[in-house]
Amino acid sequence: MFDKILKIRITVLILLLVCSVQGKAQGNLPYVDDKPYHFGYSLGLNFMDFAIIPASLNNDVTVAAVSPGFSVGAISDLRLGRYFNLRFTPTLMLSERTLTYYKDYDKVQVLSVPLYLPLYIKYSSERKNNYRPYILAGGGLWMDWGRNKERPVLLKTFDGMLEAGIGCNLYFSFFKLSPELKFAIGLNNVITPTAMREGAVFGETDAISKLTTRMITLSFNVE
């Protein structure tokens, strides 16, 4: 009788050890990626720049400084399959860029407060313990709410963006944290010509033929 009880206890102990090992092998939140959809939020830094085509060969203007801006967004994620997800991440940004003119070293501050509405396709690798790297690509609509007609350089309200990035899912006990680095380029010329501004005469605008947005974003997603 004693031997039978001892065997049962040993068997239960072995089963518990096996389950414990399997649980550790799966890592934290083993089934979180199997959900058909989920939500989250994002906080990060953005670094906006301009690609400039001057109006003359003298190249009178250049970007003097890029100040880091702040980004906050919401995440909506739809599972398409084992490796693919569709993501919509509306994001509000705040950033400032400085244009410096060679001729008189005049500096013009360009403030942007865009609401960015991007859609991404995300491809994730196989998960290893509590890590899962991924890449993503997409683009979206850019609406700048910081447009100020009183400034010498006036940007257009709307733009289109193309974007690509990399990241890594880090699985914790109660949430998933994903550091993410993205690179974006604007598709349109965002400068408003002087001729299109009623009553405005600004040499700063006349020196520029084309401005397009370039941006690097470092974000931390919590899902």
N, C-alpha and C. Protein backbone atom coordinates (compact mmCIF):
# COMPACT_ATOMS: atom_id res chain seq x y z
N MET A 1 0.83 -1.20 0.00
CA MET A 1 0.00 0.00 0.00
C MET A 1 0.87 1.26 0.00
N PHE A 2 1.88 1.24 0.85
CA PHE A 2 2.79 2.37 0.95
C PHE A 2 3.52 2.59 -0.37
N ASP A 3 3.95 1.47 -1.03
CA ASP A 3 4.64 1.57 -2.31
C ASP A 3 3.74 2.18 -3.37
N LYS A 4 2.46 1.80 -3.36
CA LYS A 4 1.52 2.34 -4.36
C LYS A 4 1.35 3.84 -4.17
N ILE A 5 1.22 4.30 -2.90
CA ILE A 5 1.08 5.73 -2.63
C ILE A 5 2.34 6.49 -3.04
N LEU A 6 3.51 5.86 -2.78
CA LEU A 6 4.77 6.48 -3.15
C LEU A 6 4.88 6.62 -4.67
N LYS A 7 4.46 5.60 -5.42
CA LYS A 7 4.50 5.66 -6.88
C LYS A 7 3.57 6.76 -7.40
N ILE A 8 2.39 6.87 -6.81
CA ILE A 8 1.44 7.91 -7.24
C ILE A 8 2.04 9.30 -7.00
N ARG A 9 2.65 9.49 -5.84
CA ARG A 9 3.26 10.77 -5.53
C ARG A 9 4.40 11.10 -6.49
N ILE A 10 5.22 10.10 -6.79
CA ILE A 10 6.33 10.32 -7.72
C ILE A 10 5.81 10.67 -9.11
N THR A 11 4.74 9.97 -9.54
CA THR A 11 4.15 10.23 -10.86
C THR A 11 3.59 11.66 -10.93
N VAL A 12 2.86 12.07 -9.87
CA VAL A 12 2.31 13.44 -9.84
C VAL A 12 3.43 14.47 -9.85
N LEU A 13 4.50 14.19 -9.11
CA LEU A 13 5.63 15.12 -9.06
C LEU A 13 6.28 15.25 -10.43
N ILE A 14 6.44 14.12 -11.13
CA ILE A 14 7.03 14.16 -12.48
C ILE A 14 6.15 14.97 -13.43
N LEU A 15 4.83 14.76 -13.35
CA LEU A 15 3.90 15.51 -14.20
C LEU A 15 3.97 17.01 -13.92
N LEU A 16 4.08 17.35 -12.64
CA LEU A 16 4.18 18.76 -12.29
C LEU A 16 5.48 19.37 -12.82
N LEU A 17 6.56 18.61 -12.74
CA LEU A 17 7.83 19.10 -13.26
C LEU A 17 7.79 19.29 -14.77
N VAL A 18 7.16 18.34 -15.47
CA VAL A 18 7.04 18.44 -16.93
C VAL A 18 6.21 19.65 -17.32
N CYS A 19 5.10 19.86 -16.62
CA CYS A 19 4.24 21.01 -16.91
C CYS A 19 4.97 22.32 -16.63
N SER A 20 5.77 22.31 -15.55
CA SER A 20 6.53 23.51 -15.21
C SER A 20 7.55 23.84 -16.28
N VAL A 21 8.26 22.83 -16.79
CA VAL A 21 9.25 23.02 -17.84
C VAL A 21 8.59 23.51 -19.12
N GLN A 22 7.44 22.91 -19.48
CA GLN A 22 6.73 23.33 -20.68
C GLN A 22 6.25 24.78 -20.56
N GLY A 23 5.78 25.12 -19.35
CA GLY A 23 5.32 26.48 -19.15
C GLY A 23 6.45 27.49 -19.31
N LYS A 24 7.63 27.15 -18.79
CA LYS A 24 8.77 28.02 -18.93
C LYS A 24 9.23 28.10 -20.37
N ALA A 25 9.12 27.01 -21.13
CA ALA A 25 9.53 27.00 -22.52
C ALA A 25 8.62 27.90 -23.35
N GLN A 26 7.35 27.94 -23.03
CA GLN A 26 6.42 28.78 -23.76
C GLN A 26 6.63 30.25 -23.45
N GLY A 27 7.11 30.58 -22.27
CA GLY A 27 7.32 31.95 -21.90
C GLY A 27 6.05 32.61 -21.41
N ASN A 28 6.11 33.91 -21.23
CA ASN A 28 4.96 34.69 -20.76
C ASN A 28 3.92 34.85 -21.87
N LEU A 29 2.65 34.94 -21.47
CA LEU A 29 1.54 35.16 -22.40
C LEU A 29 1.64 34.26 -23.64
N PRO A 30 1.61 32.96 -23.46
CA PRO A 30 1.86 32.04 -24.60
C PRO A 30 0.83 32.12 -25.71
N TYR A 31 -0.40 32.59 -25.43
CA TYR A 31 -1.45 32.58 -26.45
C TYR A 31 -1.88 33.98 -26.86
N VAL A 32 -1.13 34.99 -26.45
CA VAL A 32 -1.56 36.36 -26.74
C VAL A 32 -1.59 36.66 -28.24
N ASP A 33 -0.70 36.06 -29.01
CA ASP A 33 -0.65 36.31 -30.45
C ASP A 33 -1.72 35.55 -31.23
N ASP A 34 -2.46 34.70 -30.57
CA ASP A 34 -3.51 33.94 -31.24
C ASP A 34 -4.86 34.68 -31.25
N LYS A 35 -4.93 35.80 -30.55
CA LYS A 35 -6.19 36.56 -30.52
C LYS A 35 -6.50 37.12 -31.91
N PRO A 36 -7.77 37.10 -32.32
CA PRO A 36 -8.12 37.63 -33.65
C PRO A 36 -7.87 39.13 -33.77
N TYR A 37 -8.01 39.86 -32.69
CA TYR A 37 -7.71 41.29 -32.69
C TYR A 37 -7.39 41.73 -31.26
N HIS A 38 -6.64 42.81 -31.16
CA HIS A 38 -6.34 43.38 -29.84
C HIS A 38 -6.01 44.86 -30.00
N PHE A 39 -5.89 45.56 -28.86
CA PHE A 39 -5.67 47.00 -28.88
C PHE A 39 -4.52 47.34 -27.94
N GLY A 40 -4.03 48.57 -28.08
CA GLY A 40 -2.96 49.04 -27.22
C GLY A 40 -2.73 50.52 -27.43
N TYR A 41 -1.59 51.00 -26.92
CA TYR A 41 -1.24 52.39 -27.10
C TYR A 41 0.26 52.50 -27.34
N SER A 42 0.67 53.67 -27.84
CA SER A 42 2.06 53.87 -28.22
C SER A 42 2.55 55.23 -27.73
N LEU A 43 3.77 55.27 -27.21
CA LEU A 43 4.44 56.51 -26.82
C LEU A 43 5.81 56.53 -27.47
N GLY A 44 6.24 57.70 -27.94
CA GLY A 44 7.54 57.71 -28.59
C GLY A 44 8.08 59.08 -28.89
N LEU A 45 9.23 59.08 -29.57
CA LEU A 45 9.91 60.28 -30.04
C LEU A 45 9.94 60.28 -31.55
N ASN A 46 9.79 61.46 -32.15
CA ASN A 46 9.92 61.58 -33.60
C ASN A 46 11.00 62.61 -33.93
N PHE A 47 11.68 62.39 -35.03
CA PHE A 47 12.73 63.29 -35.51
C PHE A 47 12.39 63.65 -36.96
N MET A 48 11.77 64.82 -37.15
CA MET A 48 11.33 65.25 -38.48
C MET A 48 12.41 66.09 -39.15
N ASP A 49 12.52 65.92 -40.46
CA ASP A 49 13.50 66.63 -41.26
C ASP A 49 12.83 67.04 -42.57
N PHE A 50 13.51 67.87 -43.35
CA PHE A 50 13.04 68.25 -44.67
C PHE A 50 14.03 67.78 -45.72
N ALA A 51 13.53 67.31 -46.85
CA ALA A 51 14.32 67.19 -48.07
C ALA A 51 14.01 68.43 -48.89
N ILE A 52 15.06 69.21 -49.23
CA ILE A 52 14.88 70.53 -49.81
C ILE A 52 15.40 70.57 -51.25
N ILE A 53 14.60 71.16 -52.13
CA ILE A 53 15.05 71.53 -53.46
C ILE A 53 14.97 73.05 -53.54
N PRO A 54 16.11 73.75 -53.62
CA PRO A 54 16.08 75.22 -53.63
C PRO A 54 15.54 75.76 -54.94
N ALA A 55 15.11 77.01 -54.92
CA ALA A 55 14.55 77.64 -56.11
C ALA A 55 15.63 78.06 -57.09
N SER A 56 16.89 78.15 -56.64
CA SER A 56 17.99 78.54 -57.51
C SER A 56 19.20 77.66 -57.22
N LEU A 57 20.20 77.77 -58.06
CA LEU A 57 21.41 76.98 -57.88
C LEU A 57 22.28 77.50 -56.73
N ASN A 58 21.95 78.64 -56.18
CA ASN A 58 22.73 79.20 -55.08
C ASN A 58 22.55 78.42 -53.78
N ASN A 59 21.48 77.59 -53.73
CA ASN A 59 21.21 76.79 -52.54
C ASN A 59 21.19 77.65 -51.28
N ASP A 60 20.26 78.60 -51.26
CA ASP A 60 20.22 79.60 -50.20
C ASP A 60 19.76 79.06 -48.85
N VAL A 61 19.18 77.86 -48.82
CA VAL A 61 18.56 77.40 -47.58
C VAL A 61 18.97 75.97 -47.27
N THR A 62 19.07 75.67 -45.99
CA THR A 62 19.36 74.32 -45.54
C THR A 62 18.64 74.08 -44.21
N VAL A 63 18.51 72.84 -43.81
CA VAL A 63 17.94 72.53 -42.50
C VAL A 63 19.04 72.66 -41.45
N ALA A 64 18.84 73.53 -40.49
CA ALA A 64 19.88 73.79 -39.49
C ALA A 64 19.79 72.83 -38.31
N ALA A 65 18.57 72.50 -37.89
CA ALA A 65 18.43 71.69 -36.69
C ALA A 65 17.13 70.91 -36.72
N VAL A 66 17.17 69.74 -36.15
CA VAL A 66 15.98 68.90 -36.00
C VAL A 66 15.81 68.62 -34.52
N SER A 67 14.74 69.14 -33.93
CA SER A 67 14.49 68.92 -32.51
C SER A 67 13.61 67.69 -32.32
N PRO A 68 13.92 66.85 -31.35
CA PRO A 68 13.06 65.69 -31.12
C PRO A 68 11.66 66.10 -30.70
N GLY A 69 10.67 65.44 -31.27
CA GLY A 69 9.28 65.70 -30.93
C GLY A 69 8.67 64.52 -30.20
N PHE A 70 7.44 64.70 -29.77
CA PHE A 70 6.73 63.70 -28.98
C PHE A 70 5.59 63.10 -29.80
N SER A 71 5.33 61.82 -29.62
CA SER A 71 4.26 61.12 -30.33
C SER A 71 3.45 60.28 -29.35
N VAL A 72 2.14 60.27 -29.55
CA VAL A 72 1.25 59.41 -28.76
C VAL A 72 0.19 58.86 -29.70
N GLY A 73 -0.07 57.56 -29.60
CA GLY A 73 -1.01 56.95 -30.53
C GLY A 73 -1.77 55.78 -29.94
N ALA A 74 -2.77 55.34 -30.68
CA ALA A 74 -3.57 54.17 -30.32
C ALA A 74 -3.30 53.06 -31.32
N ILE A 75 -3.39 51.81 -30.87
CA ILE A 75 -3.08 50.65 -31.71
C ILE A 75 -4.31 49.77 -31.85
N SER A 76 -4.62 49.43 -33.09
CA SER A 76 -5.65 48.43 -33.39
C SER A 76 -4.99 47.37 -34.29
N ASP A 77 -5.02 46.13 -33.85
CA ASP A 77 -4.29 45.06 -34.54
C ASP A 77 -5.25 43.93 -34.91
N LEU A 78 -5.22 43.54 -36.19
CA LEU A 78 -6.05 42.44 -36.69
C LEU A 78 -5.14 41.30 -37.14
N ARG A 79 -5.34 40.12 -36.60
CA ARG A 79 -4.52 38.96 -36.95
C ARG A 79 -4.97 38.40 -38.30
N LEU A 80 -4.04 38.33 -39.25
CA LEU A 80 -4.33 37.77 -40.58
C LEU A 80 -3.88 36.32 -40.71
N GLY A 81 -2.96 35.92 -39.88
CA GLY A 81 -2.41 34.56 -39.94
C GLY A 81 -1.34 34.40 -38.89
N ARG A 82 -0.61 33.32 -38.99
CA ARG A 82 0.41 33.02 -37.98
C ARG A 82 1.51 34.08 -37.95
N TYR A 83 1.85 34.62 -39.12
CA TYR A 83 2.97 35.55 -39.20
C TYR A 83 2.57 36.98 -39.57
N PHE A 84 1.35 37.19 -40.04
CA PHE A 84 0.96 38.49 -40.57
C PHE A 84 -0.15 39.14 -39.74
N ASN A 85 -0.04 40.45 -39.57
CA ASN A 85 -1.05 41.26 -38.89
C ASN A 85 -1.29 42.55 -39.67
N LEU A 86 -2.50 43.04 -39.59
CA LEU A 86 -2.86 44.34 -40.16
C LEU A 86 -3.03 45.31 -39.00
N ARG A 87 -2.34 46.46 -39.07
CA ARG A 87 -2.34 47.38 -37.94
C ARG A 87 -2.74 48.79 -38.38
N PHE A 88 -3.59 49.41 -37.57
CA PHE A 88 -3.99 50.80 -37.77
C PHE A 88 -3.62 51.56 -36.50
N THR A 89 -2.76 52.57 -36.63
CA THR A 89 -2.22 53.25 -35.45
C THR A 89 -2.32 54.77 -35.59
N PRO A 90 -3.50 55.36 -35.42
CA PRO A 90 -3.61 56.82 -35.46
C PRO A 90 -2.73 57.46 -34.39
N THR A 91 -1.92 58.44 -34.81
CA THR A 91 -0.91 59.01 -33.93
C THR A 91 -0.90 60.53 -34.03
N LEU A 92 -0.86 61.19 -32.89
CA LEU A 92 -0.73 62.64 -32.83
C LEU A 92 0.72 62.97 -32.49
N MET A 93 1.31 63.88 -33.27
CA MET A 93 2.72 64.22 -33.10
C MET A 93 2.89 65.71 -32.85
N LEU A 94 4.02 66.05 -32.26
CA LEU A 94 4.42 67.43 -32.06
C LEU A 94 5.90 67.54 -32.38
N SER A 95 6.25 68.45 -33.31
CA SER A 95 7.65 68.55 -33.70
C SER A 95 7.94 69.95 -34.25
N GLU A 96 9.23 70.31 -34.25
CA GLU A 96 9.66 71.60 -34.77
C GLU A 96 10.93 71.43 -35.59
N ARG A 97 10.96 72.08 -36.75
CA ARG A 97 12.13 72.06 -37.61
C ARG A 97 12.61 73.49 -37.85
N THR A 98 13.91 73.65 -38.09
CA THR A 98 14.49 74.98 -38.28
C THR A 98 15.12 75.08 -39.66
N LEU A 99 14.72 76.09 -40.42
CA LEU A 99 15.34 76.39 -41.71
C LEU A 99 16.29 77.55 -41.55
N THR A 100 17.54 77.41 -42.04
CA THR A 100 18.52 78.48 -41.98
C THR A 100 18.87 78.91 -43.40
N TYR A 101 18.91 80.21 -43.63
CA TYR A 101 19.20 80.76 -44.95
C TYR A 101 20.64 81.26 -44.98
N TYR A 102 21.42 80.79 -45.98
CA TYR A 102 22.83 81.13 -46.06
C TYR A 102 23.08 82.63 -46.25
N LYS A 103 22.19 83.27 -47.00
CA LYS A 103 22.44 84.66 -47.39
C LYS A 103 22.58 85.58 -46.20
N ASP A 104 21.64 85.52 -45.27
CA ASP A 104 21.70 86.41 -44.11
C ASP A 104 21.65 85.64 -42.78
N TYR A 105 21.77 84.33 -42.85
CA TYR A 105 21.76 83.45 -41.68
C TYR A 105 20.47 83.60 -40.85
N ASP A 106 19.42 83.95 -41.54
CA ASP A 106 18.12 84.06 -40.88
C ASP A 106 17.59 82.66 -40.58
N LYS A 107 16.96 82.50 -39.44
CA LYS A 107 16.41 81.20 -39.05
C LYS A 107 14.89 81.28 -38.99
N VAL A 108 14.23 80.27 -39.53
CA VAL A 108 12.77 80.20 -39.53
C VAL A 108 12.34 78.91 -38.84
N GLN A 109 11.53 79.03 -37.80
CA GLN A 109 11.02 77.87 -37.08
C GLN A 109 9.73 77.39 -37.77
N VAL A 110 9.68 76.10 -38.03
CA VAL A 110 8.51 75.48 -38.67
C VAL A 110 7.91 74.47 -37.69
N LEU A 111 6.77 74.81 -37.13
CA LEU A 111 6.10 73.94 -36.16
C LEU A 111 5.11 73.03 -36.88
N SER A 112 5.10 71.76 -36.51
CA SER A 112 4.15 70.78 -37.08
C SER A 112 3.45 70.05 -35.95
N VAL A 113 2.13 69.96 -36.08
CA VAL A 113 1.32 69.17 -35.13
C VAL A 113 0.43 68.24 -35.97
N PRO A 114 1.03 67.21 -36.55
CA PRO A 114 0.24 66.37 -37.46
C PRO A 114 -0.51 65.25 -36.74
N LEU A 115 -1.68 64.95 -37.29
CA LEU A 115 -2.39 63.72 -36.95
C LEU A 115 -2.10 62.75 -38.09
N TYR A 116 -1.44 61.66 -37.77
CA TYR A 116 -0.98 60.71 -38.77
C TYR A 116 -1.84 59.45 -38.68
N LEU A 117 -2.39 59.03 -39.82
CA LEU A 117 -3.31 57.88 -39.87
C LEU A 117 -2.70 56.79 -40.76
N PRO A 118 -1.77 55.98 -40.22
CA PRO A 118 -1.10 54.97 -41.03
C PRO A 118 -1.75 53.58 -40.92
N LEU A 119 -1.57 52.80 -41.96
CA LEU A 119 -2.00 51.41 -42.00
C LEU A 119 -0.79 50.56 -42.38
N TYR A 120 -0.52 49.52 -41.58
CA TYR A 120 0.68 48.71 -41.79
C TYR A 120 0.34 47.23 -41.99
N ILE A 121 1.22 46.56 -42.74
CA ILE A 121 1.28 45.10 -42.74
C ILE A 121 2.50 44.71 -41.92
N LYS A 122 2.29 43.87 -40.91
CA LYS A 122 3.36 43.46 -40.00
C LYS A 122 3.66 41.98 -40.20
N TYR A 123 4.94 41.67 -40.41
CA TYR A 123 5.38 40.27 -40.53
C TYR A 123 6.28 39.94 -39.34
N SER A 124 5.90 38.92 -38.57
CA SER A 124 6.65 38.52 -37.38
C SER A 124 7.34 37.19 -37.61
N SER A 125 8.52 37.03 -37.03
CA SER A 125 9.24 35.76 -37.11
C SER A 125 8.67 34.78 -36.09
N GLU A 126 9.24 33.59 -36.02
CA GLU A 126 8.85 32.65 -34.98
C GLU A 126 9.26 33.20 -33.61
N ARG A 127 8.42 32.94 -32.63
CA ARG A 127 8.71 33.41 -31.28
C ARG A 127 9.77 32.53 -30.61
N LYS A 128 10.73 33.15 -29.93
CA LYS A 128 11.75 32.45 -29.16
C LYS A 128 11.64 32.90 -27.70
N ASN A 129 11.11 32.02 -26.87
CA ASN A 129 10.88 32.35 -25.46
C ASN A 129 10.04 33.62 -25.35
N ASN A 130 10.60 34.69 -24.84
CA ASN A 130 9.85 35.93 -24.66
C ASN A 130 10.24 37.02 -25.65
N TYR A 131 10.75 36.62 -26.82
CA TYR A 131 11.17 37.57 -27.84
C TYR A 131 10.59 37.17 -29.20
N ARG A 132 10.18 38.18 -29.98
CA ARG A 132 9.68 37.91 -31.33
C ARG A 132 9.92 39.14 -32.22
N PRO A 133 11.00 39.13 -33.00
CA PRO A 133 11.28 40.27 -33.88
C PRO A 133 10.25 40.35 -35.02
N TYR A 134 10.13 41.54 -35.60
CA TYR A 134 9.20 41.72 -36.71
C TYR A 134 9.64 42.89 -37.58
N ILE A 135 9.07 42.94 -38.78
CA ILE A 135 9.23 44.08 -39.68
C ILE A 135 7.83 44.53 -40.09
N LEU A 136 7.71 45.78 -40.51
CA LEU A 136 6.41 46.27 -40.96
C LEU A 136 6.60 47.34 -42.03
N ALA A 137 5.58 47.51 -42.87
CA ALA A 137 5.62 48.50 -43.94
C ALA A 137 4.21 48.98 -44.21
N GLY A 138 4.11 50.21 -44.65
CA GLY A 138 2.79 50.77 -44.95
C GLY A 138 2.88 52.25 -45.24
N GLY A 139 1.83 52.96 -44.91
CA GLY A 139 1.77 54.40 -45.15
C GLY A 139 0.40 54.91 -44.77
N GLY A 140 0.22 56.23 -44.93
CA GLY A 140 -1.06 56.78 -44.54
C GLY A 140 -1.19 58.25 -44.82
N LEU A 141 -2.25 58.83 -44.31
CA LEU A 141 -2.59 60.24 -44.50
C LEU A 141 -2.04 61.07 -43.35
N TRP A 142 -1.51 62.24 -43.71
CA TRP A 142 -0.89 63.16 -42.76
C TRP A 142 -1.69 64.46 -42.77
N MET A 143 -2.20 64.89 -41.62
CA MET A 143 -2.96 66.14 -41.52
C MET A 143 -2.30 67.03 -40.48
N ASP A 144 -1.74 68.14 -40.91
CA ASP A 144 -0.98 69.03 -40.02
C ASP A 144 -1.92 70.06 -39.40
N TRP A 145 -2.11 69.98 -38.08
CA TRP A 145 -2.96 70.93 -37.35
C TRP A 145 -2.18 72.15 -36.85
N GLY A 146 -0.86 72.16 -37.08
CA GLY A 146 -0.04 73.27 -36.61
C GLY A 146 0.17 74.35 -37.65
N ARG A 147 -0.61 74.35 -38.70
CA ARG A 147 -0.47 75.31 -39.80
C ARG A 147 -0.80 76.72 -39.31
N ASN A 148 0.15 77.64 -39.54
CA ASN A 148 -0.02 79.02 -39.08
C ASN A 148 0.27 79.96 -40.25
N LYS A 149 -0.75 80.65 -40.72
CA LYS A 149 -0.62 81.52 -41.89
C LYS A 149 0.24 82.74 -41.63
N GLU A 150 0.53 83.04 -40.37
CA GLU A 150 1.35 84.19 -40.05
C GLU A 150 2.84 83.90 -40.17
N ARG A 151 3.22 82.65 -40.29
CA ARG A 151 4.64 82.30 -40.35
C ARG A 151 5.16 82.49 -41.77
N PRO A 152 6.46 82.81 -41.92
CA PRO A 152 7.01 83.04 -43.25
C PRO A 152 7.04 81.81 -44.14
N VAL A 153 7.16 80.64 -43.56
CA VAL A 153 7.10 79.40 -44.32
C VAL A 153 5.84 78.65 -43.91
N LEU A 154 4.93 78.49 -44.87
CA LEU A 154 3.64 77.88 -44.59
C LEU A 154 3.57 76.50 -45.24
N LEU A 155 3.30 75.48 -44.43
CA LEU A 155 3.18 74.12 -44.94
C LEU A 155 1.73 73.81 -45.29
N LYS A 156 1.56 72.92 -46.25
CA LYS A 156 0.22 72.48 -46.62
C LYS A 156 -0.33 71.55 -45.53
N THR A 157 -1.65 71.47 -45.48
CA THR A 157 -2.29 70.69 -44.41
C THR A 157 -2.15 69.19 -44.63
N PHE A 158 -2.27 68.72 -45.86
CA PHE A 158 -2.33 67.28 -46.12
C PHE A 158 -1.08 66.79 -46.84
N ASP A 159 -0.71 65.57 -46.52
CA ASP A 159 0.41 64.89 -47.18
C ASP A 159 0.16 63.39 -47.11
N GLY A 160 0.85 62.66 -47.94
CA GLY A 160 0.84 61.20 -47.88
C GLY A 160 2.22 60.70 -47.50
N MET A 161 2.29 59.60 -46.74
CA MET A 161 3.56 59.09 -46.24
C MET A 161 3.73 57.62 -46.59
N LEU A 162 4.96 57.23 -46.88
CA LEU A 162 5.36 55.83 -46.99
C LEU A 162 6.31 55.53 -45.84
N GLU A 163 6.18 54.33 -45.26
CA GLU A 163 6.92 54.05 -44.03
C GLU A 163 7.32 52.58 -43.96
N ALA A 164 8.47 52.33 -43.33
CA ALA A 164 8.93 50.96 -43.08
C ALA A 164 9.68 50.96 -41.76
N GLY A 165 9.67 49.80 -41.07
CA GLY A 165 10.33 49.77 -39.78
C GLY A 165 10.59 48.36 -39.28
N ILE A 166 11.26 48.30 -38.14
CA ILE A 166 11.59 47.04 -37.48
C ILE A 166 11.24 47.17 -36.00
N GLY A 167 11.04 46.05 -35.34
CA GLY A 167 10.74 46.07 -33.92
C GLY A 167 10.90 44.69 -33.32
N CYS A 168 10.61 44.58 -32.04
CA CYS A 168 10.70 43.30 -31.35
C CYS A 168 9.67 43.26 -30.22
N ASN A 169 8.86 42.22 -30.21
CA ASN A 169 7.90 42.00 -29.13
C ASN A 169 8.62 41.41 -27.92
N LEU A 170 8.42 42.03 -26.77
CA LEU A 170 8.96 41.53 -25.51
C LEU A 170 7.78 41.15 -24.63
N TYR A 171 7.68 39.88 -24.25
CA TYR A 171 6.51 39.37 -23.54
C TYR A 171 6.76 39.38 -22.03
N PHE A 172 5.90 40.09 -21.33
CA PHE A 172 5.94 40.12 -19.87
C PHE A 172 4.73 39.38 -19.31
N SER A 173 4.59 39.35 -18.02
CA SER A 173 3.53 38.54 -17.41
C SER A 173 2.13 39.03 -17.76
N PHE A 174 1.96 40.36 -17.87
CA PHE A 174 0.61 40.90 -18.06
C PHE A 174 0.47 41.78 -19.30
N PHE A 175 1.55 42.01 -20.04
CA PHE A 175 1.45 42.85 -21.24
C PHE A 175 2.62 42.55 -22.17
N LYS A 176 2.52 43.09 -23.37
CA LYS A 176 3.56 42.93 -24.38
C LYS A 176 4.12 44.31 -24.72
N LEU A 177 5.43 44.48 -24.60
CA LEU A 177 6.09 45.74 -24.91
C LEU A 177 6.90 45.57 -26.19
N SER A 178 6.78 46.56 -27.10
CA SER A 178 7.43 46.44 -28.40
C SER A 178 8.17 47.72 -28.75
N PRO A 179 9.49 47.78 -28.52
CA PRO A 179 10.28 48.89 -29.07
C PRO A 179 10.26 48.82 -30.60
N GLU A 180 10.10 49.97 -31.26
CA GLU A 180 9.89 49.98 -32.71
C GLU A 180 10.58 51.19 -33.32
N LEU A 181 11.31 50.99 -34.41
CA LEU A 181 12.00 52.06 -35.11
C LEU A 181 11.48 52.10 -36.55
N LYS A 182 10.98 53.30 -36.97
CA LYS A 182 10.38 53.42 -38.29
C LYS A 182 11.00 54.60 -39.05
N PHE A 183 11.03 54.46 -40.39
CA PHE A 183 11.55 55.49 -41.28
C PHE A 183 10.44 55.86 -42.26
N ALA A 184 10.18 57.17 -42.42
CA ALA A 184 9.07 57.62 -43.26
C ALA A 184 9.53 58.72 -44.21
N ILE A 185 8.91 58.76 -45.39
CA ILE A 185 9.16 59.83 -46.35
C ILE A 185 7.82 60.36 -46.84
N GLY A 186 7.75 61.68 -47.03
CA GLY A 186 6.55 62.30 -47.56
C GLY A 186 6.50 62.21 -49.06
N LEU A 187 5.30 62.15 -49.61
CA LEU A 187 5.13 61.97 -51.05
C LEU A 187 4.90 63.29 -51.78
N ASN A 188 4.50 64.34 -51.07
CA ASN A 188 4.09 65.58 -51.74
C ASN A 188 4.98 66.75 -51.34
N ASN A 189 4.99 67.76 -52.20
CA ASN A 189 5.62 69.03 -51.88
C ASN A 189 4.71 69.78 -50.91
N VAL A 190 5.18 70.02 -49.68
CA VAL A 190 4.30 70.56 -48.64
C VAL A 190 4.42 72.07 -48.47
N ILE A 191 5.29 72.74 -49.23
CA ILE A 191 5.41 74.18 -49.08
C ILE A 191 4.31 74.88 -49.89
N THR A 192 3.74 75.94 -49.30
CA THR A 192 2.74 76.76 -49.97
C THR A 192 3.44 77.94 -50.64
N PRO A 193 3.42 78.04 -51.98
CA PRO A 193 4.12 79.14 -52.67
C PRO A 193 3.57 80.50 -52.25
N THR A 194 4.43 81.51 -52.35
CA THR A 194 4.01 82.87 -52.00
C THR A 194 2.82 83.32 -52.83
N ALA A 195 2.78 82.92 -54.10
CA ALA A 195 1.71 83.34 -55.00
C ALA A 195 0.34 82.83 -54.54
N MET A 196 0.31 81.77 -53.74
CA MET A 196 -0.95 81.20 -53.27
C MET A 196 -1.35 81.73 -51.90
N ARG A 197 -0.57 82.68 -51.36
CA ARG A 197 -0.86 83.22 -50.04
C ARG A 197 -1.33 84.66 -50.20
N GLU A 198 -2.54 84.91 -49.84
CA GLU A 198 -3.15 86.23 -50.03
C GLU A 198 -2.44 87.29 -49.20
N GLY A 199 -1.92 88.31 -49.90
CA GLY A 199 -1.29 89.44 -49.22
C GLY A 199 0.05 89.14 -48.60
N ALA A 200 0.66 87.99 -48.92
CA ALA A 200 1.93 87.61 -48.30
C ALA A 200 3.09 87.83 -49.26
N VAL A 201 4.15 88.45 -48.78
CA VAL A 201 5.37 88.63 -49.55
C VAL A 201 6.54 88.23 -48.66
N PHE A 202 7.05 87.03 -48.85
CA PHE A 202 8.11 86.51 -47.98
C PHE A 202 9.24 85.93 -48.82
N GLY A 203 10.43 86.44 -48.66
CA GLY A 203 11.57 85.91 -49.39
C GLY A 203 11.93 84.50 -48.97
N GLU A 204 11.59 84.13 -47.73
CA GLU A 204 11.93 82.79 -47.25
C GLU A 204 11.25 81.71 -48.09
N THR A 205 10.00 81.94 -48.47
CA THR A 205 9.29 80.96 -49.29
C THR A 205 9.82 80.94 -50.71
N ASP A 206 10.17 82.11 -51.26
CA ASP A 206 10.64 82.20 -52.63
C ASP A 206 11.95 81.45 -52.85
N ALA A 207 12.73 81.25 -51.79
CA ALA A 207 14.02 80.57 -51.93
C ALA A 207 13.88 79.06 -52.04
N ILE A 208 12.68 78.54 -51.81
CA ILE A 208 12.46 77.09 -51.78
C ILE A 208 11.55 76.68 -52.92
N SER A 209 11.98 75.69 -53.69
CA SER A 209 11.15 75.15 -54.76
C SER A 209 10.29 73.99 -54.28
N LYS A 210 10.88 73.14 -53.41
CA LYS A 210 10.15 71.95 -52.96
C LYS A 210 10.62 71.54 -51.57
N LEU A 211 9.67 71.20 -50.73
CA LEU A 211 9.94 70.64 -49.41
C LEU A 211 9.17 69.33 -49.27
N THR A 212 9.85 68.27 -48.88
CA THR A 212 9.18 67.02 -48.56
C THR A 212 9.63 66.56 -47.18
N THR A 213 8.74 65.89 -46.48
CA THR A 213 9.00 65.47 -45.10
C THR A 213 9.78 64.17 -45.05
N ARG A 214 10.73 64.11 -44.15
CA ARG A 214 11.41 62.87 -43.80
C ARG A 214 11.35 62.73 -42.29
N MET A 215 11.20 61.50 -41.82
CA MET A 215 10.98 61.33 -40.37
C MET A 215 11.49 59.97 -39.89
N ILE A 216 12.08 59.99 -38.71
CA ILE A 216 12.46 58.78 -37.98
C ILE A 216 11.65 58.76 -36.69
N THR A 217 11.03 57.64 -36.38
CA THR A 217 10.22 57.53 -35.17
C THR A 217 10.69 56.37 -34.31
N LEU A 218 10.95 56.63 -33.05
CA LEU A 218 11.24 55.59 -32.07
C LEU A 218 10.06 55.52 -31.11
N SER A 219 9.36 54.41 -31.12
CA SER A 219 8.15 54.30 -30.29
C SER A 219 8.22 53.05 -29.43
N PHE A 220 7.42 53.06 -28.37
CA PHE A 220 7.30 51.93 -27.45
C PHE A 220 5.82 51.58 -27.36
N ASN A 221 5.48 50.44 -27.90
CA ASN A 221 4.09 50.00 -27.97
C ASN A 221 3.76 49.08 -26.81
N VAL A 222 2.63 49.31 -26.17
CA VAL A 222 2.15 48.47 -25.08
C VAL A 222 0.83 47.85 -25.53
N GLU A 223 0.79 46.51 -25.58
CA GLU A 223 -0.39 45.80 -26.07
C GLU A 223 -0.79 44.70 -25.10
